[in-house]
Amino acid sequence: MKPLIYGYMRVPSDMTDRDIQRRHGEMEAYAEAEGLLLATVFHEFAPETQSAFTELVEAVRRSAAHWVVVPTMRDLGLSVPLQHVLSVHLEAVGGAQVIGLDEL
């Protein structure tokens, strides 16, 4: 069985279904290329909320998945310090490294 990776992305109200599918496809392609199984993608629909992020942290912790992929680091937060804090939180609580496809 392949190791698990989770996805996380923000879905602004003006994002088209096509853009959502494209982002999913990019995360799936990354997982496949790395020999990983994209278990699920957590979607944050409301601005300035983190309910899906909280669910992601719990899923990572329960499954012991070692990676989380995001289309861009801005999906975690608009500021670099916030991105860093959330990445560190995922690593500290769940042992998962965040991979931003925009940084590859």
N, C-alpha and C. Protein backbone atom coordinates (compact mmCIF):
# COMPACT_ATOMS: atom_id res chain seq x y z
N MET A 1 0.84 -1.19 0.00
CA MET A 1 0.00 0.00 0.00
C MET A 1 0.88 1.25 0.00
N LYS A 2 0.48 2.24 -0.77
CA LYS A 2 1.24 3.48 -0.87
C LYS A 2 1.05 4.32 0.38
N PRO A 3 2.07 5.06 0.78
CA PRO A 3 1.92 6.01 1.89
C PRO A 3 0.91 7.10 1.51
N LEU A 4 0.23 7.62 2.53
CA LEU A 4 -0.81 8.63 2.31
C LEU A 4 -0.24 10.03 2.29
N ILE A 5 -0.89 10.86 1.50
CA ILE A 5 -0.68 12.30 1.50
C ILE A 5 -2.07 12.93 1.47
N TYR A 6 -2.23 14.01 2.20
CA TYR A 6 -3.49 14.75 2.20
C TYR A 6 -3.30 16.04 1.43
N GLY A 7 -4.39 16.55 0.88
CA GLY A 7 -4.39 17.83 0.21
C GLY A 7 -5.21 18.84 0.99
N TYR A 8 -4.89 20.10 0.79
CA TYR A 8 -5.62 21.19 1.45
C TYR A 8 -5.64 22.36 0.49
N MET A 9 -6.79 22.98 0.35
CA MET A 9 -6.88 24.16 -0.51
C MET A 9 -8.03 25.05 -0.09
N ARG A 10 -7.84 26.32 -0.35
CA ARG A 10 -8.92 27.29 -0.17
C ARG A 10 -9.69 27.39 -1.47
N VAL A 11 -11.02 27.56 -1.33
CA VAL A 11 -11.89 27.66 -2.50
C VAL A 11 -12.67 28.97 -2.39
N PRO A 12 -12.13 30.05 -2.96
CA PRO A 12 -12.85 31.32 -2.92
C PRO A 12 -14.15 31.22 -3.71
N SER A 13 -15.09 32.06 -3.39
CA SER A 13 -16.41 32.00 -4.02
C SER A 13 -16.36 32.21 -5.53
N ASP A 14 -15.31 32.89 -6.02
CA ASP A 14 -15.22 33.14 -7.46
C ASP A 14 -14.40 32.07 -8.21
N MET A 15 -13.97 31.02 -7.51
CA MET A 15 -13.21 29.96 -8.18
C MET A 15 -14.15 29.06 -8.96
N THR A 16 -13.81 28.79 -10.20
CA THR A 16 -14.66 27.97 -11.05
C THR A 16 -14.45 26.48 -10.75
N ASP A 17 -15.44 25.68 -11.10
CA ASP A 17 -15.31 24.23 -10.95
C ASP A 17 -14.10 23.71 -11.73
N ARG A 18 -13.87 24.31 -12.87
CA ARG A 18 -12.73 23.90 -13.70
C ARG A 18 -11.40 24.16 -12.97
N ASP A 19 -11.31 25.30 -12.31
CA ASP A 19 -10.09 25.61 -11.55
C ASP A 19 -9.92 24.66 -10.37
N ILE A 20 -11.02 24.33 -9.71
CA ILE A 20 -10.96 23.38 -8.60
C ILE A 20 -10.45 22.03 -9.11
N GLN A 21 -11.01 21.55 -10.20
CA GLN A 21 -10.58 20.27 -10.77
C GLN A 21 -9.12 20.30 -11.21
N ARG A 22 -8.68 21.43 -11.77
CA ARG A 22 -7.28 21.57 -12.19
C ARG A 22 -6.36 21.45 -11.00
N ARG A 23 -6.71 22.13 -9.91
CA ARG A 23 -5.88 22.08 -8.70
C ARG A 23 -5.85 20.67 -8.11
N HIS A 24 -7.01 20.00 -8.11
CA HIS A 24 -7.05 18.61 -7.65
C HIS A 24 -6.13 17.75 -8.52
N GLY A 25 -6.23 17.95 -9.82
CA GLY A 25 -5.40 17.18 -10.74
C GLY A 25 -3.91 17.39 -10.50
N GLU A 26 -3.52 18.61 -10.21
CA GLU A 26 -2.12 18.91 -9.92
C GLU A 26 -1.66 18.19 -8.65
N MET A 27 -2.52 18.19 -7.62
CA MET A 27 -2.16 17.50 -6.39
C MET A 27 -2.09 15.99 -6.61
N GLU A 28 -3.04 15.44 -7.36
CA GLU A 28 -3.02 14.01 -7.67
C GLU A 28 -1.78 13.63 -8.47
N ALA A 29 -1.43 14.45 -9.45
CA ALA A 29 -0.25 14.17 -10.27
C ALA A 29 1.02 14.18 -9.41
N TYR A 30 1.11 15.13 -8.48
CA TYR A 30 2.26 15.18 -7.60
C TYR A 30 2.33 13.90 -6.76
N ALA A 31 1.20 13.53 -6.16
CA ALA A 31 1.17 12.34 -5.31
C ALA A 31 1.60 11.11 -6.11
N GLU A 32 1.05 10.95 -7.27
CA GLU A 32 1.37 9.79 -8.10
C GLU A 32 2.86 9.76 -8.47
N ALA A 33 3.39 10.91 -8.86
CA ALA A 33 4.80 10.99 -9.23
C ALA A 33 5.73 10.64 -8.07
N GLU A 34 5.27 10.90 -6.86
CA GLU A 34 6.07 10.63 -5.66
C GLU A 34 5.79 9.26 -5.05
N GLY A 35 4.90 8.48 -5.69
CA GLY A 35 4.58 7.15 -5.17
C GLY A 35 3.68 7.20 -3.94
N LEU A 36 2.85 8.25 -3.84
CA LEU A 36 1.97 8.45 -2.70
C LEU A 36 0.51 8.33 -3.14
N LEU A 37 -0.36 8.11 -2.19
CA LEU A 37 -1.80 8.04 -2.44
C LEU A 37 -2.45 9.29 -1.85
N LEU A 38 -3.07 10.11 -2.71
CA LEU A 38 -3.79 11.29 -2.23
C LEU A 38 -5.08 10.80 -1.58
N ALA A 39 -5.11 10.81 -0.26
CA ALA A 39 -6.23 10.24 0.48
C ALA A 39 -7.50 11.08 0.31
N THR A 40 -7.38 12.35 0.54
CA THR A 40 -8.51 13.28 0.39
C THR A 40 -7.96 14.69 0.33
N VAL A 41 -8.78 15.59 -0.17
CA VAL A 41 -8.42 17.01 -0.20
C VAL A 41 -9.41 17.74 0.69
N PHE A 42 -8.90 18.48 1.65
CA PHE A 42 -9.74 19.27 2.54
C PHE A 42 -9.92 20.65 1.91
N HIS A 43 -11.16 21.11 1.88
CA HIS A 43 -11.51 22.38 1.23
C HIS A 43 -11.95 23.40 2.27
N GLU A 44 -11.34 24.57 2.20
CA GLU A 44 -11.72 25.69 3.06
C GLU A 44 -12.53 26.65 2.19
N PHE A 45 -13.83 26.74 2.44
CA PHE A 45 -14.71 27.55 1.60
C PHE A 45 -14.91 28.97 2.11
N ALA A 46 -14.91 29.17 3.39
CA ALA A 46 -15.15 30.50 3.95
C ALA A 46 -13.83 31.22 4.19
N PRO A 47 -13.75 32.49 3.79
CA PRO A 47 -12.51 33.23 4.04
C PRO A 47 -12.28 33.42 5.54
N GLU A 48 -11.01 33.43 5.88
CA GLU A 48 -10.59 33.68 7.26
C GLU A 48 -11.12 32.64 8.25
N THR A 49 -11.34 31.42 7.78
CA THR A 49 -11.70 30.32 8.67
C THR A 49 -10.67 29.22 8.55
N GLN A 50 -10.71 28.31 9.50
CA GLN A 50 -9.76 27.20 9.48
C GLN A 50 -10.40 25.89 9.90
N SER A 51 -11.70 25.74 9.70
CA SER A 51 -12.35 24.50 10.12
C SER A 51 -11.83 23.30 9.34
N ALA A 52 -11.63 23.45 8.03
CA ALA A 52 -11.08 22.34 7.24
C ALA A 52 -9.64 22.07 7.64
N PHE A 53 -8.89 23.11 7.99
CA PHE A 53 -7.51 22.91 8.44
C PHE A 53 -7.50 22.10 9.73
N THR A 54 -8.41 22.40 10.63
CA THR A 54 -8.51 21.64 11.89
C THR A 54 -8.81 20.18 11.61
N GLU A 55 -9.72 19.92 10.67
CA GLU A 55 -10.03 18.54 10.28
C GLU A 55 -8.80 17.87 9.66
N LEU A 56 -8.05 18.62 8.86
CA LEU A 56 -6.83 18.09 8.26
C LEU A 56 -5.83 17.68 9.33
N VAL A 57 -5.62 18.52 10.32
CA VAL A 57 -4.67 18.21 11.39
C VAL A 57 -5.08 16.92 12.08
N GLU A 58 -6.36 16.77 12.36
CA GLU A 58 -6.84 15.54 13.02
C GLU A 58 -6.64 14.32 12.13
N ALA A 59 -6.90 14.45 10.85
CA ALA A 59 -6.72 13.33 9.92
C ALA A 59 -5.25 12.93 9.84
N VAL A 60 -4.37 13.90 9.77
CA VAL A 60 -2.94 13.62 9.72
C VAL A 60 -2.50 12.93 10.99
N ARG A 61 -2.96 13.42 12.11
CA ARG A 61 -2.58 12.85 13.40
C ARG A 61 -3.06 11.40 13.52
N ARG A 62 -4.30 11.13 13.12
CA ARG A 62 -4.86 9.78 13.22
C ARG A 62 -4.18 8.80 12.26
N SER A 63 -3.87 9.27 11.08
CA SER A 63 -3.36 8.36 10.05
C SER A 63 -1.84 8.25 10.02
N ALA A 64 -1.18 9.15 10.68
CA ALA A 64 0.28 9.22 10.65
C ALA A 64 0.79 9.47 9.23
N ALA A 65 0.02 10.18 8.42
CA ALA A 65 0.49 10.60 7.10
C ALA A 65 1.63 11.58 7.30
N HIS A 66 2.61 11.52 6.44
CA HIS A 66 3.80 12.36 6.63
C HIS A 66 3.86 13.57 5.71
N TRP A 67 2.82 13.74 4.88
CA TRP A 67 2.84 14.84 3.93
C TRP A 67 1.46 15.44 3.73
N VAL A 68 1.48 16.75 3.46
CA VAL A 68 0.29 17.50 3.06
C VAL A 68 0.70 18.33 1.85
N VAL A 69 -0.10 18.27 0.80
CA VAL A 69 0.21 19.04 -0.41
C VAL A 69 -0.82 20.16 -0.55
N VAL A 70 -0.33 21.34 -0.90
CA VAL A 70 -1.20 22.49 -1.16
C VAL A 70 -0.84 23.04 -2.54
N PRO A 71 -1.83 23.53 -3.29
CA PRO A 71 -1.52 24.11 -4.60
C PRO A 71 -0.53 25.27 -4.50
N THR A 72 -0.75 26.13 -3.52
CA THR A 72 0.18 27.22 -3.23
C THR A 72 0.25 27.39 -1.72
N MET A 73 1.34 27.92 -1.26
CA MET A 73 1.47 28.16 0.18
C MET A 73 0.43 29.18 0.65
N ARG A 74 -0.07 30.01 -0.26
CA ARG A 74 -1.10 30.99 0.09
C ARG A 74 -2.42 30.30 0.47
N ASP A 75 -2.57 29.03 0.12
CA ASP A 75 -3.76 28.30 0.56
C ASP A 75 -3.74 28.15 2.08
N LEU A 76 -2.56 28.11 2.67
CA LEU A 76 -2.46 28.05 4.13
C LEU A 76 -2.78 29.40 4.76
N GLY A 77 -2.29 30.46 4.17
CA GLY A 77 -2.49 31.79 4.72
C GLY A 77 -1.90 32.83 3.78
N LEU A 78 -2.39 34.05 3.90
CA LEU A 78 -1.93 35.10 3.01
C LEU A 78 -0.53 35.60 3.34
N SER A 79 -0.16 35.54 4.61
CA SER A 79 1.16 36.05 4.99
C SER A 79 2.14 34.88 5.18
N VAL A 80 3.40 35.16 4.89
CA VAL A 80 4.44 34.14 5.06
C VAL A 80 4.54 33.69 6.51
N PRO A 81 4.48 34.60 7.51
CA PRO A 81 4.52 34.13 8.90
C PRO A 81 3.37 33.17 9.24
N LEU A 82 2.17 33.44 8.75
CA LEU A 82 1.05 32.53 9.01
C LEU A 82 1.26 31.19 8.32
N GLN A 83 1.75 31.22 7.10
CA GLN A 83 2.06 29.98 6.39
C GLN A 83 3.05 29.15 7.20
N HIS A 84 4.06 29.81 7.71
CA HIS A 84 5.09 29.13 8.50
C HIS A 84 4.49 28.52 9.78
N VAL A 85 3.69 29.29 10.49
CA VAL A 85 3.10 28.80 11.73
C VAL A 85 2.22 27.57 11.48
N LEU A 86 1.40 27.61 10.44
CA LEU A 86 0.53 26.47 10.15
C LEU A 86 1.32 25.26 9.68
N SER A 87 2.38 25.48 8.93
CA SER A 87 3.25 24.38 8.52
C SER A 87 3.92 23.73 9.73
N VAL A 88 4.44 24.56 10.61
CA VAL A 88 5.09 24.05 11.82
C VAL A 88 4.08 23.31 12.69
N HIS A 89 2.86 23.81 12.77
CA HIS A 89 1.82 23.15 13.56
C HIS A 89 1.53 21.75 13.01
N LEU A 90 1.40 21.63 11.69
CA LEU A 90 1.17 20.31 11.09
C LEU A 90 2.32 19.36 11.38
N GLU A 91 3.53 19.88 11.35
CA GLU A 91 4.69 19.03 11.62
C GLU A 91 4.76 18.65 13.09
N ALA A 92 4.49 19.60 13.98
CA ALA A 92 4.59 19.32 15.42
C ALA A 92 3.49 18.38 15.90
N VAL A 93 2.28 18.61 15.44
CA VAL A 93 1.14 17.81 15.93
C VAL A 93 1.00 16.49 15.19
N GLY A 94 1.22 16.53 13.88
CA GLY A 94 0.97 15.32 13.10
C GLY A 94 2.20 14.72 12.45
N GLY A 95 3.33 15.38 12.53
CA GLY A 95 4.54 14.85 11.91
C GLY A 95 4.52 14.96 10.39
N ALA A 96 3.73 15.88 9.85
CA ALA A 96 3.58 16.00 8.39
C ALA A 96 4.30 17.23 7.85
N GLN A 97 4.97 17.04 6.74
CA GLN A 97 5.63 18.13 6.03
C GLN A 97 4.67 18.69 5.00
N VAL A 98 4.62 20.01 4.87
CA VAL A 98 3.76 20.67 3.88
C VAL A 98 4.57 20.90 2.60
N ILE A 99 3.99 20.49 1.48
CA ILE A 99 4.60 20.68 0.18
C ILE A 99 3.73 21.64 -0.62
N GLY A 100 4.28 22.79 -0.95
CA GLY A 100 3.58 23.76 -1.80
C GLY A 100 3.97 23.54 -3.25
N LEU A 101 3.01 23.22 -4.08
CA LEU A 101 3.33 22.97 -5.49
C LEU A 101 3.93 24.19 -6.17
N ASP A 102 3.64 25.36 -5.63
CA ASP A 102 4.21 26.58 -6.20
C ASP A 102 5.69 26.75 -5.86
N GLU A 103 6.20 25.93 -4.96
CA GLU A 103 7.60 26.05 -4.54
C GLU A 103 8.48 24.94 -5.13
N LEU A 104 7.90 24.11 -5.98
CA LEU A 104 8.69 23.01 -6.57
C LEU A 104 9.42 23.46 -7.79
